[in-house]
Amino acid sequence: IVILFGSVVVSQIDNFLRPYMVASGTQMHPLMLFLSMTGGITVFGLVGIVAGPLIAAAFVAILEVFEYEIGPTHQPPTDSA
């Protein structure tokens, strides 16, 4: 009974609570963290639990740098001639 309870209930609770607990420390949305973890597991296997969120966080950081550099009101240069 203990093994059945641990394998069914505790593992399912872990699947839902881990993204919320990790998202609070990483400032990522829990859904994005969950999808990156499951996608990482699909692509990389067990290492994907860590690799998926790292790749997603790097992608978000790159997007934020581009947004900062370009800015929301960036206009392409015009010819004054």
C-alpha atoms as a PDB file:
ATOM      1  CA  ILE A   1       0.000   0.000   0.000  1.00  0.00           C
ATOM      2  CA  VAL A   2       2.841   2.395   0.832  1.00  0.00           C
ATOM      3  CA  ILE A   3       4.609   1.687  -2.464  1.00  0.00           C
ATOM      4  CA  LEU A   4       1.375   2.135  -4.409  1.00  0.00           C
ATOM      5  CA  PHE A   5       0.586   5.381  -2.586  1.00  0.00           C
ATOM      6  CA  GLY A   6       4.116   6.693  -3.140  1.00  0.00           C
ATOM      7  CA  SER A   7       4.233   5.806  -6.803  1.00  0.00           C
ATOM      8  CA  VAL A   8       0.786   7.167  -7.661  1.00  0.00           C
ATOM      9  CA  VAL A   9      -0.091  10.019  -5.320  1.00  0.00           C
ATOM     10  CA  VAL A  10       3.300  11.435  -4.366  1.00  0.00           C
ATOM     11  CA  SER A  11       4.687  11.322  -7.897  1.00  0.00           C
ATOM     12  CA  GLN A  12       1.624  13.123  -9.283  1.00  0.00           C
ATOM     13  CA  ILE A  13       1.794  15.785  -6.578  1.00  0.00           C
ATOM     14  CA  ASP A  14       5.470  16.227  -7.412  1.00  0.00           C
ATOM     15  CA  ASN A  15       4.635  16.772 -11.093  1.00  0.00           C
ATOM     16  CA  PHE A  16       2.256  19.617 -10.258  1.00  0.00           C
ATOM     17  CA  LEU A  17       4.068  21.250  -7.329  1.00  0.00           C
ATOM     18  CA  ARG A  18       7.601  21.290  -8.718  1.00  0.00           C
ATOM     19  CA  PRO A  19       6.877  23.830 -11.490  1.00  0.00           C
ATOM     20  CA  TYR A  20       5.276  26.215  -8.975  1.00  0.00           C
ATOM     21  CA  MET A  21       8.147  25.877  -6.533  1.00  0.00           C
ATOM     22  CA  VAL A  22      10.826  26.270  -9.192  1.00  0.00           C
ATOM     23  CA  ALA A  23       8.963  29.087 -10.985  1.00  0.00           C
ATOM     24  CA  SER A  24       8.995  31.230  -7.861  1.00  0.00           C
ATOM     25  CA  GLY A  25      12.793  31.141  -7.801  1.00  0.00           C
ATOM     26  CA  THR A  26      13.317  31.534 -11.535  1.00  0.00           C
ATOM     27  CA  GLN A  27      10.706  34.229 -12.261  1.00  0.00           C
ATOM     28  CA  MET A  28       9.282  32.096 -15.080  1.00  0.00           C
ATOM     29  CA  HIS A  29       5.593  31.430 -15.586  1.00  0.00           C
ATOM     30  CA  PRO A  30       4.672  27.988 -14.183  1.00  0.00           C
ATOM     31  CA  LEU A  31       3.112  26.888 -17.472  1.00  0.00           C
ATOM     32  CA  MET A  32       6.257  27.793 -19.404  1.00  0.00           C
ATOM     33  CA  LEU A  33       8.353  25.947 -16.851  1.00  0.00           C
ATOM     34  CA  PHE A  34       6.094  22.893 -17.032  1.00  0.00           C
ATOM     35  CA  LEU A  35       6.151  22.831 -20.823  1.00  0.00           C
ATOM     36  CA  SER A  36       9.916  23.299 -20.935  1.00  0.00           C
ATOM     37  CA  MET A  37      10.399  20.460 -18.449  1.00  0.00           C
ATOM     38  CA  THR A  38       8.142  18.067 -20.362  1.00  0.00           C
ATOM     39  CA  GLY A  39       9.652  19.111 -23.701  1.00  0.00           C
ATOM     40  CA  GLY A  40      13.137  18.718 -22.267  1.00  0.00           C
ATOM     41  CA  ILE A  41      12.313  15.241 -21.023  1.00  0.00           C
ATOM     42  CA  THR A  42      10.919  14.343 -24.451  1.00  0.00           C
ATOM     43  CA  VAL A  43      13.978  15.617 -26.324  1.00  0.00           C
ATOM     44  CA  PHE A  44      16.858  14.981 -23.902  1.00  0.00           C
ATOM     45  CA  GLY A  45      15.515  12.263 -21.617  1.00  0.00           C
ATOM     46  CA  LEU A  46      16.146  12.538 -17.879  1.00  0.00           C
ATOM     47  CA  VAL A  47      18.693  15.324 -18.373  1.00  0.00           C
ATOM     48  CA  GLY A  48      15.874  17.348 -19.930  1.00  0.00           C
ATOM     49  CA  ILE A  49      14.434  18.125 -16.498  1.00  0.00           C
ATOM     50  CA  VAL A  50      17.283  20.593 -16.124  1.00  0.00           C
ATOM     51  CA  ALA A  51      18.200  21.254 -19.766  1.00  0.00           C
ATOM     52  CA  GLY A  52      14.693  22.212 -20.906  1.00  0.00           C
ATOM     53  CA  PRO A  53      14.161  25.062 -18.435  1.00  0.00           C
ATOM     54  CA  LEU A  54      17.754  26.265 -18.944  1.00  0.00           C
ATOM     55  CA  ILE A  55      17.242  26.521 -22.690  1.00  0.00           C
ATOM     56  CA  ALA A  56      13.879  28.240 -22.200  1.00  0.00           C
ATOM     57  CA  ALA A  57      15.386  30.728 -19.735  1.00  0.00           C
ATOM     58  CA  ALA A  58      18.247  31.494 -22.128  1.00  0.00           C
ATOM     59  CA  PHE A  59      15.750  32.053 -24.950  1.00  0.00           C
ATOM     60  CA  VAL A  60      13.692  34.438 -22.794  1.00  0.00           C
ATOM     61  CA  ALA A  61      16.848  36.302 -21.759  1.00  0.00           C
ATOM     62  CA  ILE A  62      17.893  36.721 -25.397  1.00  0.00           C
ATOM     63  CA  LEU A  63      14.425  38.029 -26.274  1.00  0.00           C
ATOM     64  CA  GLU A  64      14.613  40.524 -23.400  1.00  0.00           C
ATOM     65  CA  VAL A  65      18.006  41.765 -24.616  1.00  0.00           C
ATOM     66  CA  PHE A  66      16.641  42.249 -28.132  1.00  0.00           C
ATOM     67  CA  GLU A  67      13.597  44.044 -26.739  1.00  0.00           C
ATOM     68  CA  TYR A  68      15.830  46.344 -24.717  1.00  0.00           C
ATOM     69  CA  GLU A  69      18.147  47.059 -27.650  1.00  0.00           C
ATOM     70  CA  ILE A  70      15.441  47.586 -30.236  1.00  0.00           C
ATOM     71  CA  GLY A  71      12.861  49.162 -27.948  1.00  0.00           C
ATOM     72  CA  PRO A  72       9.105  49.199 -28.412  1.00  0.00           C
ATOM     73  CA  THR A  73       9.098  52.405 -30.521  1.00  0.00           C
ATOM     74  CA  HIS A  74      12.070  51.624 -32.747  1.00  0.00           C
ATOM     75  CA  GLN A  75      11.680  53.152 -36.190  1.00  0.00           C
ATOM     76  CA  PRO A  76      13.998  52.268 -39.028  1.00  0.00           C
ATOM     77  CA  PRO A  77      16.217  55.156 -40.159  1.00  0.00           C
ATOM     78  CA  THR A  78      14.725  57.297 -42.909  1.00  0.00           C
ATOM     79  CA  ASP A  79      16.541  58.981 -45.748  1.00  0.00           C
ATOM     80  CA  SER A  80      16.473  62.756 -45.341  1.00  0.00           C
ATOM     81  CA  ALA A  81      17.688  63.354 -48.878  1.00  0.00           C
END
